[in-house]
Amino acid sequence: MSETRRVQYTDSDGRRWVTRIPANALDDEAPRGIPVGPPPLDELDLPKDVQTRLHNQLVDRGILTAADIRRAGSAQIVNALQAALAVDAAKLTALFSASAGGS
Protein backbone atom coordinates (compact mmCIF):
# COMPACT_ATOMS: atom_id res chain seq x y z
CA MET A 1 0.00 0.00 0.00
CA SER A 2 1.36 3.43 -0.88
CA GLU A 3 2.00 6.08 1.74
CA THR A 4 -0.77 8.52 2.56
CA ARG A 5 -1.09 11.70 4.52
CA ARG A 6 -3.94 13.41 6.31
CA VAL A 7 -5.25 16.68 4.95
CA GLN A 8 -8.10 18.93 5.97
CA TYR A 9 -10.52 20.79 3.73
CA THR A 10 -13.79 22.69 4.08
CA ASP A 11 -16.80 21.64 2.01
CA SER A 12 -19.44 23.94 0.51
CA ASP A 13 -21.54 23.65 3.69
CA GLY A 14 -18.70 24.96 5.87
CA ARG A 15 -17.82 21.60 7.38
CA ARG A 16 -14.16 20.82 7.86
CA TRP A 17 -13.17 17.28 6.91
CA VAL A 18 -10.04 15.21 7.37
CA THR A 19 -9.19 12.79 4.59
CA ARG A 20 -6.26 10.63 3.56
CA ILE A 21 -4.66 11.23 0.19
CA PRO A 22 -1.54 9.80 -1.45
CA ALA A 23 1.61 11.35 -0.01
CA ASN A 24 2.52 12.85 -3.39
CA ALA A 25 -0.96 14.27 -4.14
CA LEU A 26 -1.76 17.97 -4.00
CA ASP A 27 -3.88 19.28 -1.11
CA ASP A 28 -6.55 20.11 -3.71
CA GLU A 29 -7.24 16.37 -3.89
CA ALA A 30 -8.53 16.33 -0.28
CA PRO A 31 -12.25 16.18 -1.22
CA ARG A 32 -11.56 13.02 -3.21
CA GLY A 33 -9.53 11.40 -0.44
CA ILE A 34 -10.52 8.65 1.94
CA PRO A 35 -12.57 10.21 4.78
CA VAL A 36 -11.06 9.88 8.24
CA GLY A 37 -13.95 11.51 10.07
CA PRO A 38 -15.95 12.49 11.90
CA PRO A 39 -18.89 10.36 10.80
CA PRO A 40 -22.13 12.04 9.63
CA LEU A 41 -24.08 13.48 12.55
CA ASP A 42 -27.51 13.35 10.87
CA GLU A 43 -28.90 10.81 13.34
CA LEU A 44 -28.61 13.38 16.15
CA ASP A 45 -31.52 15.32 14.62
CA LEU A 46 -29.82 18.65 15.29
CA PRO A 47 -30.50 21.77 13.23
CA LYS A 48 -28.07 21.92 10.29
CA ASP A 49 -26.11 24.90 11.67
CA VAL A 50 -25.64 23.24 15.08
CA GLN A 51 -24.66 20.00 13.37
CA THR A 52 -22.02 21.85 11.33
CA ARG A 53 -20.62 23.62 14.39
CA LEU A 54 -20.45 20.33 16.33
CA HIS A 55 -18.83 18.59 13.38
CA ASN A 56 -16.17 21.32 13.19
CA GLN A 57 -15.60 21.23 16.95
CA LEU A 58 -14.92 17.50 16.70
CA VAL A 59 -12.43 18.11 13.87
CA ASP A 60 -10.75 20.92 15.84
CA ARG A 61 -10.35 18.58 18.81
CA GLY A 62 -9.09 15.66 16.71
CA ILE A 63 -12.12 13.53 17.53
CA LEU A 64 -12.51 11.81 14.17
CA THR A 65 -12.86 8.08 14.82
CA ALA A 66 -14.36 5.70 17.37
CA ALA A 67 -10.90 5.30 18.91
CA ASP A 68 -10.53 9.09 19.15
CA ILE A 69 -13.86 9.51 20.94
CA ARG A 70 -13.00 6.75 23.43
CA ARG A 71 -9.62 8.34 24.05
CA ALA A 72 -11.08 11.87 24.38
CA GLY A 73 -13.38 11.00 27.25
CA SER A 74 -16.68 12.55 28.20
CA ALA A 75 -15.25 15.94 29.25
CA GLN A 76 -13.91 16.62 25.74
CA ILE A 77 -17.21 15.53 24.21
CA VAL A 78 -19.18 17.80 26.54
CA ASN A 79 -16.79 20.67 25.74
CA ALA A 80 -17.36 20.16 22.01
CA LEU A 81 -21.14 20.13 22.54
CA GLN A 82 -21.01 23.26 24.69
CA ALA A 83 -18.88 25.09 22.13
CA ALA A 84 -21.27 24.09 19.33
CA LEU A 85 -24.26 25.37 21.32
CA ALA A 86 -22.61 28.55 22.63
CA VAL A 87 -23.80 30.60 19.66
CA ASP A 88 -27.37 29.48 20.28
CA ALA A 89 -27.08 30.51 23.94
CA ALA A 90 -25.91 33.97 22.85
CA LYS A 91 -28.82 34.23 20.40
CA LEU A 92 -31.27 33.18 23.11
CA THR A 93 -29.87 35.74 25.56
CA ALA A 94 -30.12 38.50 22.93
CA LEU A 95 -33.71 37.46 22.14
CA PHE A 96 -34.72 37.73 25.79
CA SER A 97 -32.99 41.09 26.13
CA ALA A 98 -34.73 42.45 23.02
CA SER A 99 -38.17 41.22 24.08
CA ALA A 100 -37.77 42.72 27.55
CA GLY A 101 -36.70 46.07 26.18
CA GLY A 102 -33.26 45.57 27.68
CA SER A 103 -34.52 45.28 31.27
PDB file of N, CA and C in Angstrom:
ATOM      1  N   MET A   1       0.840  -1.172   0.000  1.00  0.00           N
ATOM      2  CA  MET A   1       0.000   0.000   0.000  1.00  0.00           C
ATOM      3  C   MET A   1       0.887   1.237   0.000  1.00  0.00           C
ATOM      4  N   SER A   2       0.545   2.227  -0.807  1.00  0.00           N
ATOM      5  CA  SER A   2       1.356   3.434  -0.882  1.00  0.00           C
ATOM      6  C   SER A   2       1.137   4.307   0.344  1.00  0.00           C
ATOM      7  N   GLU A   3       2.086   5.186   0.593  1.00  0.00           N
ATOM      8  CA  GLU A   3       1.996   6.075   1.742  1.00  0.00           C
ATOM      9  C   GLU A   3       0.927   7.133   1.519  1.00  0.00           C
ATOM     10  N   THR A   4       0.250   7.480   2.618  1.00  0.00           N
ATOM     11  CA  THR A   4      -0.769   8.523   2.558  1.00  0.00           C
ATOM     12  C   THR A   4      -0.481   9.564   3.626  1.00  0.00           C
ATOM     13  N   ARG A   5      -1.183  10.665   3.496  1.00  0.00           N
ATOM     14  CA  ARG A   5      -1.091  11.703   4.516  1.00  0.00           C
ATOM     15  C   ARG A   5      -2.478  12.261   4.759  1.00  0.00           C
ATOM     16  N   ARG A   6      -2.657  12.805   5.951  1.00  0.00           N
ATOM     17  CA  ARG A   6      -3.939  13.410   6.308  1.00  0.00           C
ATOM     18  C   ARG A   6      -3.944  14.872   5.864  1.00  0.00           C
ATOM     19  N   VAL A   7      -5.063  15.275   5.310  1.00  0.00           N
ATOM     20  CA  VAL A   7      -5.255  16.683   4.951  1.00  0.00           C
ATOM     21  C   VAL A   7      -6.650  17.095   5.387  1.00  0.00           C
ATOM     22  N   GLN A   8      -6.815  18.387   5.555  1.00  0.00           N
ATOM     23  CA  GLN A   8      -8.104  18.928   5.971  1.00  0.00           C
ATOM     24  C   GLN A   8      -8.607  19.868   4.880  1.00  0.00           C
ATOM     25  N   TYR A   9      -9.901  19.857   4.668  1.00  0.00           N
ATOM     26  CA  TYR A   9     -10.521  20.794   3.730  1.00  0.00           C
ATOM     27  C   TYR A   9     -11.896  21.162   4.254  1.00  0.00           C
ATOM     28  N   THR A  10     -12.454  22.230   3.704  1.00  0.00           N
ATOM     29  CA  THR A  10     -13.788  22.689   4.082  1.00  0.00           C
ATOM     30  C   THR A  10     -14.714  22.516   2.891  1.00  0.00           C
ATOM     31  N   ASP A  11     -15.852  21.861   3.114  1.00  0.00           N
ATOM     32  CA  ASP A  11     -16.796  21.645   2.012  1.00  0.00           C
ATOM     33  C   ASP A  11     -17.688  22.874   1.818  1.00  0.00           C
ATOM     34  N   SER A  12     -18.581  22.796   0.860  1.00  0.00           N
ATOM     35  CA  SER A  12     -19.437  23.937   0.513  1.00  0.00           C
ATOM     36  C   SER A  12     -20.434  24.290   1.608  1.00  0.00           C
ATOM     37  N   ASP A  13     -20.651  23.385   2.563  1.00  0.00           N
ATOM     38  CA  ASP A  13     -21.543  23.654   3.692  1.00  0.00           C
ATOM     39  C   ASP A  13     -20.810  24.229   4.900  1.00  0.00           C
ATOM     40  N   GLY A  14     -19.493  24.413   4.773  1.00  0.00           N
ATOM     41  CA  GLY A  14     -18.703  24.958   5.869  1.00  0.00           C
ATOM     42  C   GLY A  14     -18.167  23.923   6.840  1.00  0.00           C
ATOM     43  N   ARG A  15     -18.329  22.664   6.513  1.00  0.00           N
ATOM     44  CA  ARG A  15     -17.817  21.597   7.383  1.00  0.00           C
ATOM     45  C   ARG A  15     -16.375  21.287   7.021  1.00  0.00           C
ATOM     46  N   ARG A  16     -15.555  21.197   8.072  1.00  0.00           N
ATOM     47  CA  ARG A  16     -14.162  20.820   7.861  1.00  0.00           C
ATOM     48  C   ARG A  16     -14.073  19.298   7.929  1.00  0.00           C
ATOM     49  N   TRP A  17     -13.336  18.728   6.998  1.00  0.00           N
ATOM     50  CA  TRP A  17     -13.173  17.276   6.914  1.00  0.00           C
ATOM     51  C   TRP A  17     -11.697  16.931   6.931  1.00  0.00           C
ATOM     52  N   VAL A  18     -11.390  15.759   7.433  1.00  0.00           N
ATOM     53  CA  VAL A  18     -10.041  15.207   7.371  1.00  0.00           C
ATOM     54  C   VAL A  18     -10.122  13.972   6.491  1.00  0.00           C
ATOM     55  N   THR A  19      -9.252  13.936   5.483  1.00  0.00           N
ATOM     56  CA  THR A  19      -9.191  12.791   4.586  1.00  0.00           C
ATOM     57  C   THR A  19      -7.742  12.351   4.429  1.00  0.00           C
ATOM     58  N   ARG A  20      -7.589  11.155   3.905  1.00  0.00           N
ATOM     59  CA  ARG A  20      -6.260  10.632   3.561  1.00  0.00           C
ATOM     60  C   ARG A  20      -6.111  10.681   2.049  1.00  0.00           C
ATOM     61  N   ILE A  21      -4.970  11.200   1.626  1.00  0.00           N
ATOM     62  CA  ILE A  21      -4.658  11.232   0.193  1.00  0.00           C
ATOM     63  C   ILE A  21      -3.248  10.681   0.001  1.00  0.00           C
ATOM     64  N   PRO A  22      -2.903  10.268  -1.222  1.00  0.00           N
ATOM     65  CA  PRO A  22      -1.536   9.799  -1.453  1.00  0.00           C
ATOM     66  C   PRO A  22      -0.525  10.868  -1.034  1.00  0.00           C
ATOM     67  N   ALA A  23       0.591  10.427  -0.513  1.00  0.00           N
ATOM     68  CA  ALA A  23       1.611  11.349  -0.007  1.00  0.00           C
ATOM     69  C   ALA A  23       2.065  12.352  -1.062  1.00  0.00           C
ATOM     70  N   ASN A  24       2.044  11.953  -2.332  1.00  0.00           N
ATOM     71  CA  ASN A  24       2.525  12.846  -3.387  1.00  0.00           C
ATOM     72  C   ASN A  24       1.405  13.664  -4.042  1.00  0.00           C
ATOM     73  N   ALA A  25       0.176  13.535  -3.560  1.00  0.00           N
ATOM     74  CA  ALA A  25      -0.959  14.271  -4.140  1.00  0.00           C
ATOM     75  C   ALA A  25      -0.983  15.705  -3.613  1.00  0.00           C
ATOM     76  N   LEU A  26      -1.583  16.575  -4.408  1.00  0.00           N
ATOM     77  CA  LEU A  26      -1.758  17.966  -3.996  1.00  0.00           C
ATOM     78  C   LEU A  26      -2.891  18.065  -2.972  1.00  0.00           C
ATOM     79  N   ASP A  27      -2.823  19.073  -2.113  1.00  0.00           N
ATOM     80  CA  ASP A  27      -3.875  19.276  -1.110  1.00  0.00           C
ATOM     81  C   ASP A  27      -5.246  19.438  -1.756  1.00  0.00           C
ATOM     82  N   ASP A  28      -5.288  19.931  -2.996  1.00  0.00           N
ATOM     83  CA  ASP A  28      -6.554  20.105  -3.714  1.00  0.00           C
ATOM     84  C   ASP A  28      -7.305  18.795  -3.898  1.00  0.00           C
ATOM     85  N   GLU A  29      -6.626  17.681  -3.740  1.00  0.00           N
ATOM     86  CA  GLU A  29      -7.241  16.366  -3.886  1.00  0.00           C
ATOM     87  C   GLU A  29      -7.991  15.928  -2.629  1.00  0.00           C
ATOM     88  N   ALA A  30      -7.923  16.711  -1.563  1.00  0.00           N
ATOM     89  CA  ALA A  30      -8.528  16.329  -0.278  1.00  0.00           C
ATOM     90  C   ALA A  30      -9.991  15.906  -0.387  1.00  0.00           C
ATOM     91  N   PRO A  31     -10.850  16.623  -1.148  1.00  0.00           N
ATOM     92  CA  PRO A  31     -12.253  16.182  -1.215  1.00  0.00           C
ATOM     93  C   PRO A  31     -12.443  14.797  -1.835  1.00  0.00           C
ATOM     94  N   ARG A  32     -11.469  14.343  -2.585  1.00  0.00           N
ATOM     95  CA  ARG A  32     -11.561  13.020  -3.207  1.00  0.00           C
ATOM     96  C   ARG A  32     -10.798  11.953  -2.420  1.00  0.00           C
ATOM     97  N   GLY A  33     -10.285  12.340  -1.260  1.00  0.00           N
ATOM     98  CA  GLY A  33      -9.527  11.403  -0.444  1.00  0.00           C
ATOM     99  C   GLY A  33     -10.426  10.455   0.336  1.00  0.00           C
ATOM    100  N   ILE A  34      -9.804   9.610   1.099  1.00  0.00           N
ATOM    101  CA  ILE A  34     -10.522   8.650   1.943  1.00  0.00           C
ATOM    102  C   ILE A  34     -10.887   9.364   3.247  1.00  0.00           C
ATOM    103  N   PRO A  35     -12.179   9.497   3.549  1.00  0.00           N
ATOM    104  CA  PRO A  35     -12.571  10.206   4.778  1.00  0.00           C
ATOM    105  C   PRO A  35     -12.025   9.536   6.033  1.00  0.00           C
ATOM    106  N   VAL A  36     -11.509  10.359   6.938  1.00  0.00           N
ATOM    107  CA  VAL A  36     -11.061   9.878   8.237  1.00  0.00           C
ATOM    108  C   VAL A  36     -12.181  10.099   9.251  1.00  0.00           C
ATOM    109  N   GLY A  37     -12.847  11.236   9.162  1.00  0.00           N
ATOM    110  CA  GLY A  37     -13.946  11.508  10.071  1.00  0.00           C
ATOM    111  C   GLY A  37     -14.128  12.980  10.280  1.00  0.00           C
ATOM    112  N   PRO A  38     -15.037  13.330  11.132  1.00  0.00           N
ATOM    113  CA  PRO A  38     -15.945  12.489  11.904  1.00  0.00           C
ATOM    114  C   PRO A  38     -17.066  11.914  11.034  1.00  0.00           C
ATOM    115  N   PRO A  39     -17.793  10.944  11.578  1.00  0.00           N
ATOM    116  CA  PRO A  39     -18.894  10.364  10.804  1.00  0.00           C
ATOM    117  C   PRO A  39     -20.037  11.377  10.662  1.00  0.00           C
ATOM    118  N   PRO A  40     -20.961  11.147   9.745  1.00  0.00           N
ATOM    119  CA  PRO A  40     -22.127  12.036   9.625  1.00  0.00           C
ATOM    120  C   PRO A  40     -22.892  12.094  10.947  1.00  0.00           C
ATOM    121  N   LEU A  41     -23.378  13.274  11.283  1.00  0.00           N
ATOM    122  CA  LEU A  41     -24.082  13.476  12.551  1.00  0.00           C
ATOM    123  C   LEU A  41     -25.590  13.589  12.358  1.00  0.00           C
ATOM    124  N   ASP A  42     -26.096  13.211  11.200  1.00  0.00           N
ATOM    125  CA  ASP A  42     -27.511  13.353  10.867  1.00  0.00           C
ATOM    126  C   ASP A  42     -28.439  12.687  11.881  1.00  0.00           C
ATOM    127  N   GLU A  43     -28.034  11.558  12.418  1.00  0.00           N
ATOM    128  CA  GLU A  43     -28.902  10.812  13.340  1.00  0.00           C
ATOM    129  C   GLU A  43     -29.147  11.544  14.653  1.00  0.00           C
ATOM    130  N   LEU A  44     -28.404  12.614  14.920  1.00  0.00           N
ATOM    131  CA  LEU A  44     -28.606  13.381  16.150  1.00  0.00           C
ATOM    132  C   LEU A  44     -29.815  14.314  16.051  1.00  0.00           C
ATOM    133  N   ASP A  45     -30.354  14.462  14.852  1.00  0.00           N
ATOM    134  CA  ASP A  45     -31.522  15.321  14.617  1.00  0.00           C
ATOM    135  C   ASP A  45     -31.314  16.751  15.119  1.00  0.00           C
ATOM    136  N   LEU A  46     -30.124  17.270  14.926  1.00  0.00           N
ATOM    137  CA  LEU A  46     -29.819  18.651  15.286  1.00  0.00           C
ATOM    138  C   LEU A  46     -30.098  19.559  14.094  1.00  0.00           C
ATOM    139  N   PRO A  47     -30.402  20.830  14.349  1.00  0.00           N
ATOM    140  CA  PRO A  47     -30.501  21.767  13.230  1.00  0.00           C
ATOM    141  C   PRO A  47     -29.176  21.769  12.460  1.00  0.00           C
ATOM    142  N   LYS A  48     -29.244  22.014  11.157  1.00  0.00           N
ATOM    143  CA  LYS A  48     -28.068  21.915  10.293  1.00  0.00           C
ATOM    144  C   LYS A  48     -26.913  22.790  10.784  1.00  0.00           C
ATOM    145  N   ASP A  49     -27.199  24.017  11.233  1.00  0.00           N
ATOM    146  CA  ASP A  49     -26.107  24.896  11.670  1.00  0.00           C
ATOM    147  C   ASP A  49     -25.438  24.376  12.940  1.00  0.00           C
ATOM    148  N   VAL A  50     -26.206  23.814  13.855  1.00  0.00           N
ATOM    149  CA  VAL A  50     -25.637  23.238  15.077  1.00  0.00           C
ATOM    150  C   VAL A  50     -24.832  21.997  14.720  1.00  0.00           C
ATOM    151  N   GLN A  51     -25.354  21.203  13.817  1.00  0.00           N
ATOM    152  CA  GLN A  51     -24.661  19.996  13.368  1.00  0.00           C
ATOM    153  C   GLN A  51     -23.300  20.359  12.759  1.00  0.00           C
ATOM    154  N   THR A  52     -23.274  21.414  11.949  1.00  0.00           N
ATOM    155  CA  THR A  52     -22.021  21.851  11.326  1.00  0.00           C
ATOM    156  C   THR A  52     -21.038  22.336  12.377  1.00  0.00           C
ATOM    157  N   ARG A  53     -21.517  23.123  13.339  1.00  0.00           N
ATOM    158  CA  ARG A  53     -20.616  23.615  14.391  1.00  0.00           C
ATOM    159  C   ARG A  53     -20.069  22.462  15.231  1.00  0.00           C
ATOM    160  N   LEU A  54     -20.916  21.486  15.568  1.00  0.00           N
ATOM    161  CA  LEU A  54     -20.451  20.332  16.332  1.00  0.00           C
ATOM    162  C   LEU A  54     -19.433  19.534  15.524  1.00  0.00           C
ATOM    163  N   HIS A  55     -19.742  19.307  14.274  1.00  0.00           N
ATOM    164  CA  HIS A  55     -18.829  18.591  13.382  1.00  0.00           C
ATOM    165  C   HIS A  55     -17.444  19.267  13.396  1.00  0.00           C
ATOM    166  N   ASN A  56     -17.437  20.592  13.233  1.00  0.00           N
ATOM    167  CA  ASN A  56     -16.173  21.320  13.185  1.00  0.00           C
ATOM    168  C   ASN A  56     -15.456  21.317  14.535  1.00  0.00           C
ATOM    169  N   GLN A  57     -16.213  21.339  15.621  1.00  0.00           N
ATOM    170  CA  GLN A  57     -15.603  21.233  16.950  1.00  0.00           C
ATOM    171  C   GLN A  57     -14.904  19.883  17.113  1.00  0.00           C
ATOM    172  N   LEU A  58     -15.538  18.827  16.624  1.00  0.00           N
ATOM    173  CA  LEU A  58     -14.920  17.502  16.695  1.00  0.00           C
ATOM    174  C   LEU A  58     -13.626  17.464  15.888  1.00  0.00           C
ATOM    175  N   VAL A  59     -13.650  18.057  14.703  1.00  0.00           N
ATOM    176  CA  VAL A  59     -12.432  18.111  13.873  1.00  0.00           C
ATOM    177  C   VAL A  59     -11.353  18.904  14.605  1.00  0.00           C
ATOM    178  N   ASP A  60     -11.720  20.076  15.135  1.00  0.00           N
ATOM    179  CA  ASP A  60     -10.745  20.916  15.836  1.00  0.00           C
ATOM    180  C   ASP A  60     -10.101  20.190  17.010  1.00  0.00           C
ATOM    181  N   ARG A  61     -10.854  19.308  17.646  1.00  0.00           N
ATOM    182  CA  ARG A  61     -10.354  18.582  18.815  1.00  0.00           C
ATOM    183  C   ARG A  61      -9.716  17.237  18.441  1.00  0.00           C
ATOM    184  N   GLY A  62      -9.686  16.922  17.147  1.00  0.00           N
ATOM    185  CA  GLY A  62      -9.086  15.664  16.711  1.00  0.00           C
ATOM    186  C   GLY A  62      -9.917  14.448  17.041  1.00  0.00           C
ATOM    187  N   ILE A  63     -11.222  14.649  17.232  1.00  0.00           N
ATOM    188  CA  ILE A  63     -12.121  13.526  17.525  1.00  0.00           C
ATOM    189  C   ILE A  63     -12.765  13.112  16.209  1.00  0.00           C
ATOM    190  N   LEU A  64     -12.124  12.176  15.534  1.00  0.00           N
ATOM    191  CA  LEU A  64     -12.511  11.810  14.175  1.00  0.00           C
ATOM    192  C   LEU A  64     -13.000  10.377  14.040  1.00  0.00           C
ATOM    193  N   THR A  65     -12.560   9.516  14.921  1.00  0.00           N
ATOM    194  CA  THR A  65     -12.858   8.084  14.815  1.00  0.00           C
ATOM    195  C   THR A  65     -13.405   7.567  16.150  1.00  0.00           C
ATOM    196  N   ALA A  66     -13.877   6.324  16.139  1.00  0.00           N
ATOM    197  CA  ALA A  66     -14.362   5.697  17.369  1.00  0.00           C
ATOM    198  C   ALA A  66     -13.241   5.634  18.407  1.00  0.00           C
ATOM    199  N   ALA A  67     -12.030   5.339  17.977  1.00  0.00           N
ATOM    200  CA  ALA A  67     -10.900   5.295  18.907  1.00  0.00           C
ATOM    201  C   ALA A  67     -10.636   6.680  19.498  1.00  0.00           C
ATOM    202  N   ASP A  68     -10.746   7.719  18.674  1.00  0.00           N
ATOM    203  CA  ASP A  68     -10.531   9.091  19.151  1.00  0.00           C
ATOM    204  C   ASP A  68     -11.554   9.476  20.214  1.00  0.00           C
ATOM    205  N   ILE A  69     -12.813   9.112  19.987  1.00  0.00           N
ATOM    206  CA  ILE A  69     -13.857   9.509  20.943  1.00  0.00           C
ATOM    207  C   ILE A  69     -13.703   8.751  22.261  1.00  0.00           C
ATOM    208  N   ARG A  70     -13.266   7.510  22.199  1.00  0.00           N
ATOM    209  CA  ARG A  70     -13.003   6.752  23.430  1.00  0.00           C
ATOM    210  C   ARG A  70     -11.832   7.373  24.191  1.00  0.00           C
ATOM    211  N   ARG A  71     -10.820   7.762  23.453  1.00  0.00           N
ATOM    212  CA  ARG A  71      -9.621   8.344  24.054  1.00  0.00           C
ATOM    213  C   ARG A  71      -9.918   9.743  24.624  1.00  0.00           C
ATOM    214  N   ALA A  72     -10.787  10.493  23.974  1.00  0.00           N
ATOM    215  CA  ALA A  72     -11.082  11.868  24.384  1.00  0.00           C
ATOM    216  C   ALA A  72     -11.774  11.926  25.740  1.00  0.00           C
ATOM    217  N   GLY A  73     -12.648  10.998  25.990  1.00  0.00           N
ATOM    218  CA  GLY A  73     -13.384  11.002  27.245  1.00  0.00           C
ATOM    219  C   GLY A  73     -14.564  11.947  27.213  1.00  0.00           C
ATOM    220  N   SER A  74     -15.421  11.805  28.208  1.00  0.00           N
ATOM    221  CA  SER A  74     -16.677  12.546  28.199  1.00  0.00           C
ATOM    222  C   SER A  74     -16.483  14.054  28.355  1.00  0.00           C
ATOM    223  N   ALA A  75     -15.460  14.495  29.066  1.00  0.00           N
ATOM    224  CA  ALA A  75     -15.250  15.936  29.248  1.00  0.00           C
ATOM    225  C   ALA A  75     -14.998  16.630  27.912  1.00  0.00           C
ATOM    226  N   GLN A  76     -14.188  16.033  27.064  1.00  0.00           N
ATOM    227  CA  GLN A  76     -13.912  16.622  25.744  1.00  0.00           C
ATOM    228  C   GLN A  76     -15.169  16.638  24.879  1.00  0.00           C
ATOM    229  N   ILE A  77     -15.970  15.598  24.986  1.00  0.00           N
ATOM    230  CA  ILE A  77     -17.208  15.528  24.210  1.00  0.00           C
ATOM    231  C   ILE A  77     -18.176  16.616  24.677  1.00  0.00           C
ATOM    232  N   VAL A  78     -18.315  16.763  25.986  1.00  0.00           N
ATOM    233  CA  VAL A  78     -19.185  17.804  26.538  1.00  0.00           C
ATOM    234  C   VAL A  78     -18.669  19.182  26.128  1.00  0.00           C
ATOM    235  N   ASN A  79     -17.358  19.387  26.166  1.00  0.00           N
ATOM    236  CA  ASN A  79     -16.787  20.666  25.742  1.00  0.00           C
ATOM    237  C   ASN A  79     -17.114  20.968  24.283  1.00  0.00           C
ATOM    238  N   ALA A  80     -17.033  19.966  23.424  1.00  0.00           N
ATOM    239  CA  ALA A  80     -17.364  20.158  22.008  1.00  0.00           C
ATOM    240  C   ALA A  80     -18.840  20.518  21.850  1.00  0.00           C
ATOM    241  N   LEU A  81     -19.706  19.826  22.589  1.00  0.00           N
ATOM    242  CA  LEU A  81     -21.142  20.134  22.538  1.00  0.00           C
ATOM    243  C   LEU A  81     -21.426  21.541  23.045  1.00  0.00           C
ATOM    244  N   GLN A  82     -20.799  21.917  24.147  1.00  0.00           N
ATOM    245  CA  GLN A  82     -21.008  23.258  24.693  1.00  0.00           C
ATOM    246  C   GLN A  82     -20.532  24.327  23.715  1.00  0.00           C
ATOM    247  N   ALA A  83     -19.398  24.120  23.097  1.00  0.00           N
ATOM    248  CA  ALA A  83     -18.883  25.091  22.133  1.00  0.00           C
ATOM    249  C   ALA A  83     -19.816  25.208  20.927  1.00  0.00           C
ATOM    250  N   ALA A  84     -20.356  24.079  20.481  1.00  0.00           N
ATOM    251  CA  ALA A  84     -21.268  24.095  19.332  1.00  0.00           C
ATOM    252  C   ALA A  84     -22.559  24.823  19.658  1.00  0.00           C
ATOM    253  N   LEU A  85     -22.996  24.736  20.909  1.00  0.00           N
ATOM    254  CA  LEU A  85     -24.255  25.368  21.320  1.00  0.00           C
ATOM    255  C   LEU A  85     -24.082  26.778  21.860  1.00  0.00           C
ATOM    256  N   ALA A  86     -22.861  27.236  22.049  1.00  0.00           N
ATOM    257  CA  ALA A  86     -22.606  28.555  22.632  1.00  0.00           C
ATOM    258  C   ALA A  86     -23.245  29.674  21.819  1.00  0.00           C
ATOM    259  N   VAL A  87     -23.207  29.569  20.513  1.00  0.00           N
ATOM    260  CA  VAL A  87     -23.802  30.601  19.661  1.00  0.00           C
ATOM    261  C   VAL A  87     -25.303  30.653  19.891  1.00  0.00           C
ATOM    262  N   ASP A  88     -25.936  29.505  20.023  1.00  0.00           N
ATOM    263  CA  ASP A  88     -27.374  29.481  20.277  1.00  0.00           C
ATOM    264  C   ASP A  88     -27.707  30.106  21.622  1.00  0.00           C
ATOM    265  N   ALA A  89     -26.856  29.895  22.629  1.00  0.00           N
ATOM    266  CA  ALA A  89     -27.080  30.509  23.937  1.00  0.00           C
ATOM    267  C   ALA A  89     -26.992  32.026  23.826  1.00  0.00           C
ATOM    268  N   ALA A  90     -26.038  32.525  23.050  1.00  0.00           N
ATOM    269  CA  ALA A  90     -25.907  33.970  22.850  1.00  0.00           C
ATOM    270  C   ALA A  90     -27.131  34.529  22.127  1.00  0.00           C
ATOM    271  N   LYS A  91     -27.622  33.798  21.121  1.00  0.00           N
ATOM    272  CA  LYS A  91     -28.822  34.229  20.396  1.00  0.00           C
ATOM    273  C   LYS A  91     -30.029  34.264  21.335  1.00  0.00           C
ATOM    274  N   LEU A  92     -30.150  33.255  22.176  1.00  0.00           N
ATOM    275  CA  LEU A  92     -31.269  33.182  23.112  1.00  0.00           C
ATOM    276  C   LEU A  92     -31.218  34.335  24.113  1.00  0.00           C
ATOM    277  N   THR A  93     -30.038  34.627  24.632  1.00  0.00           N
ATOM    278  CA  THR A  93     -29.869  35.742  25.559  1.00  0.00           C
ATOM    279  C   THR A  93     -30.250  37.058  24.902  1.00  0.00           C
ATOM    280  N   ALA A  94     -29.793  37.267  23.658  1.00  0.00           N
ATOM    281  CA  ALA A  94     -30.124  38.498  22.926  1.00  0.00           C
ATOM    282  C   ALA A  94     -31.628  38.589  22.677  1.00  0.00           C
ATOM    283  N   LEU A  95     -32.262  37.480  22.377  1.00  0.00           N
ATOM    284  CA  LEU A  95     -33.709  37.459  22.142  1.00  0.00           C
ATOM    285  C   LEU A  95     -34.461  37.883  23.391  1.00  0.00           C
ATOM    286  N   PHE A  96     -34.070  37.349  24.541  1.00  0.00           N
ATOM    287  CA  PHE A  96     -34.716  37.728  25.794  1.00  0.00           C
ATOM    288  C   PHE A  96     -34.498  39.199  26.103  1.00  0.00           C
ATOM    289  N   SER A  97     -33.295  39.675  25.872  1.00  0.00           N
ATOM    290  CA  SER A  97     -32.986  41.088  26.131  1.00  0.00           C
ATOM    291  C   SER A  97     -33.824  41.995  25.243  1.00  0.00           C
ATOM    292  N   ALA A  98     -33.957  41.632  23.965  1.00  0.00           N
ATOM    293  CA  ALA A  98     -34.727  42.453  23.024  1.00  0.00           C
ATOM    294  C   ALA A  98     -36.206  42.455  23.380  1.00  0.00           C
ATOM    295  N   SER A  99     -36.732  41.298  23.787  1.00  0.00           N
ATOM    296  CA  SER A  99     -38.166  41.217  24.081  1.00  0.00           C
ATOM    297  C   SER A  99     -38.513  41.908  25.386  1.00  0.00           C
ATOM    298  N   ALA A 100     -37.526  42.053  26.277  1.00  0.00           N
ATOM    299  CA  ALA A 100     -37.766  42.715  27.555  1.00  0.00           C
ATOM    300  C   ALA A 100     -37.428  44.201  27.492  1.00  0.00           C
ATOM    301  N   GLY A 101     -37.066  44.672  26.308  1.00  0.00           N
ATOM    302  CA  GLY A 101     -36.696  46.067  26.181  1.00  0.00           C
ATOM    303  C   GLY A 101     -35.396  46.382  26.901  1.00  0.00           C
ATOM    304  N   GLY A 102     -34.567  45.366  27.055  1.00  0.00           N
ATOM    305  CA  GLY A 102     -33.263  45.566  27.680  1.00  0.00           C
ATOM    306  C   GLY A 102     -33.294  45.527  29.194  1.00  0.00           C
ATOM    307  N   SER A 103     -34.460  45.287  29.794  1.00  0.00           N
ATOM    308  CA  SER A 103     -34.524  45.277  31.268  1.00  0.00           C
ATOM    309  C   SER A 103     -34.415  43.883  31.824  1.00  0.00           C
TER     310      SER A 103
END
